[in-house]
N, C-alpha and C. Protein backbone atom coordinates (compact mmCIF):
# COMPACT_ATOMS: atom_id res chain seq x y z
N MET A 1 32.86 -35.66 9.84
CA MET A 1 33.50 -34.92 10.91
C MET A 1 32.43 -34.41 11.87
N ALA A 2 32.69 -34.45 13.14
CA ALA A 2 31.71 -34.07 14.15
C ALA A 2 31.51 -32.56 14.23
N PHE A 3 32.49 -31.77 13.86
CA PHE A 3 32.40 -30.31 13.95
C PHE A 3 32.50 -29.71 12.55
N ASP A 4 31.73 -28.66 12.32
CA ASP A 4 31.71 -28.02 11.00
C ASP A 4 32.86 -27.06 10.79
N SER A 5 33.41 -26.50 11.87
CA SER A 5 34.48 -25.52 11.72
C SER A 5 35.40 -25.58 12.94
N LEU A 6 36.50 -24.90 12.83
CA LEU A 6 37.45 -24.83 13.96
C LEU A 6 36.81 -24.13 15.16
N THR A 7 36.01 -23.11 14.88
CA THR A 7 35.34 -22.39 15.96
C THR A 7 34.38 -23.31 16.71
N ALA A 8 33.65 -24.12 15.96
CA ALA A 8 32.72 -25.07 16.60
C ALA A 8 33.49 -26.10 17.41
N PHE A 9 34.63 -26.51 16.89
CA PHE A 9 35.47 -27.47 17.62
C PHE A 9 35.96 -26.87 18.93
N LEU A 10 36.43 -25.63 18.88
CA LEU A 10 36.95 -24.99 20.09
C LEU A 10 35.83 -24.69 21.09
N ALA A 11 34.64 -24.39 20.60
CA ALA A 11 33.51 -24.09 21.48
C ALA A 11 32.94 -25.37 22.11
N MET A 12 32.99 -26.47 21.40
CA MET A 12 32.51 -27.77 21.87
C MET A 12 31.12 -27.69 22.50
N GLY A 13 30.20 -27.09 21.77
CA GLY A 13 28.83 -27.01 22.26
C GLY A 13 28.71 -26.22 23.55
N ASN A 14 29.43 -25.13 23.65
CA ASN A 14 29.44 -24.25 24.82
C ASN A 14 30.12 -24.87 26.04
N TYR A 15 30.77 -25.98 25.89
CA TYR A 15 31.54 -26.58 26.99
C TYR A 15 33.04 -26.42 26.77
N GLY A 16 33.43 -25.71 25.75
CA GLY A 16 34.84 -25.55 25.39
C GLY A 16 35.70 -24.98 26.50
N ALA A 17 35.16 -24.00 27.23
CA ALA A 17 35.95 -23.38 28.31
C ALA A 17 36.31 -24.42 29.37
N TYR A 18 35.38 -25.31 29.68
CA TYR A 18 35.64 -26.33 30.69
C TYR A 18 36.62 -27.39 30.15
N VAL A 19 36.39 -27.78 28.91
CA VAL A 19 37.23 -28.82 28.31
C VAL A 19 38.67 -28.33 28.17
N TRP A 20 38.84 -27.15 27.56
CA TRP A 20 40.20 -26.66 27.31
C TRP A 20 40.91 -26.25 28.59
N SER A 21 40.17 -25.75 29.57
CA SER A 21 40.83 -25.42 30.84
C SER A 21 41.27 -26.70 31.55
N ALA A 22 40.50 -27.77 31.43
CA ALA A 22 40.91 -29.05 32.03
C ALA A 22 42.17 -29.57 31.35
N TYR A 23 42.23 -29.46 30.02
CA TYR A 23 43.45 -29.86 29.31
C TYR A 23 44.63 -29.00 29.74
N GLY A 24 44.41 -27.69 29.85
CA GLY A 24 45.49 -26.78 30.24
C GLY A 24 46.01 -27.06 31.64
N ILE A 25 45.11 -27.24 32.58
CA ILE A 25 45.52 -27.53 33.96
C ILE A 25 46.27 -28.85 34.04
N SER A 26 45.77 -29.84 33.31
CA SER A 26 46.44 -31.15 33.30
C SER A 26 47.83 -31.05 32.71
N PHE A 27 47.96 -30.33 31.61
CA PHE A 27 49.27 -30.15 30.98
C PHE A 27 50.25 -29.46 31.91
N VAL A 28 49.80 -28.41 32.57
CA VAL A 28 50.68 -27.68 33.50
C VAL A 28 51.08 -28.58 34.66
N ALA A 29 50.14 -29.33 35.20
CA ALA A 29 50.46 -30.22 36.33
C ALA A 29 51.48 -31.28 35.92
N ILE A 30 51.30 -31.88 34.76
CA ILE A 30 52.23 -32.90 34.30
C ILE A 30 53.61 -32.29 34.03
N ALA A 31 53.64 -31.09 33.47
CA ALA A 31 54.92 -30.43 33.21
C ALA A 31 55.64 -30.11 34.51
N VAL A 32 54.92 -29.63 35.51
CA VAL A 32 55.53 -29.31 36.81
C VAL A 32 56.07 -30.57 37.48
N ILE A 33 55.29 -31.63 37.47
CA ILE A 33 55.73 -32.88 38.09
C ILE A 33 56.97 -33.42 37.38
N THR A 34 56.97 -33.37 36.05
CA THR A 34 58.13 -33.85 35.29
C THR A 34 59.36 -33.01 35.58
N LEU A 35 59.22 -31.70 35.58
CA LEU A 35 60.35 -30.81 35.85
C LEU A 35 60.90 -31.03 37.26
N ARG A 36 60.02 -31.14 38.24
CA ARG A 36 60.48 -31.37 39.61
C ARG A 36 61.21 -32.70 39.74
N SER A 37 60.73 -33.73 39.04
CA SER A 37 61.36 -35.04 39.09
C SER A 37 62.76 -34.99 38.48
N VAL A 38 62.88 -34.32 37.35
CA VAL A 38 64.18 -34.21 36.69
C VAL A 38 65.17 -33.45 37.58
N LEU A 39 64.72 -32.34 38.14
CA LEU A 39 65.61 -31.55 39.00
C LEU A 39 66.01 -32.31 40.25
N LYS A 40 65.07 -33.02 40.85
CA LYS A 40 65.37 -33.81 42.05
C LYS A 40 66.34 -34.94 41.71
N GLY A 41 66.15 -35.57 40.55
CA GLY A 41 67.07 -36.63 40.12
C GLY A 41 68.49 -36.11 39.95
N ARG A 42 68.61 -34.93 39.36
CA ARG A 42 69.95 -34.34 39.20
C ARG A 42 70.58 -34.06 40.56
N LYS A 43 69.78 -33.56 41.48
CA LYS A 43 70.30 -33.23 42.81
C LYS A 43 70.76 -34.50 43.53
N VAL A 44 69.98 -35.55 43.46
CA VAL A 44 70.32 -36.81 44.11
C VAL A 44 71.59 -37.40 43.50
N ARG A 45 71.68 -37.36 42.16
CA ARG A 45 72.90 -37.89 41.51
C ARG A 45 74.14 -37.10 41.90
N ALA A 46 74.00 -35.77 42.01
CA ALA A 46 75.14 -34.95 42.41
C ALA A 46 75.55 -35.26 43.85
N GLU A 47 74.57 -35.44 44.73
CA GLU A 47 74.89 -35.78 46.12
C GLU A 47 75.57 -37.15 46.22
N LEU A 48 75.08 -38.11 45.46
CA LEU A 48 75.69 -39.44 45.47
C LEU A 48 77.11 -39.39 44.91
N ARG A 49 77.30 -38.59 43.86
CA ARG A 49 78.64 -38.45 43.29
C ARG A 49 79.60 -37.85 44.31
N GLN A 50 79.14 -36.85 45.06
CA GLN A 50 79.98 -36.23 46.07
C GLN A 50 80.31 -37.21 47.19
N ARG A 51 79.34 -37.99 47.62
CA ARG A 51 79.59 -39.01 48.65
C ARG A 51 80.59 -40.04 48.17
N TYR A 52 80.44 -40.47 46.90
CA TYR A 52 81.34 -41.47 46.35
C TYR A 52 82.77 -40.94 46.30
N LEU A 53 82.93 -39.69 45.87
CA LEU A 53 84.27 -39.12 45.76
C LEU A 53 84.88 -38.85 47.14
N ARG A 54 84.02 -38.56 48.13
CA ARG A 54 84.50 -38.29 49.48
C ARG A 54 84.97 -39.58 50.15
N ASP A 55 84.26 -40.68 49.89
CA ASP A 55 84.62 -41.96 50.54
C ASP A 55 85.66 -42.63 49.76
């Protein structure tokens, strides 16, 4: 194993703050993009359903 303990793993040779913040920012960005896509898809489907029922 490359790390002797969980603390050493989280510290990653004093680069842990950069590594884990990059993971955190990436996770948040992907979650926001996914949520916005799902919400936009629902909105578009609702609008199309309304157009279909109107015509």
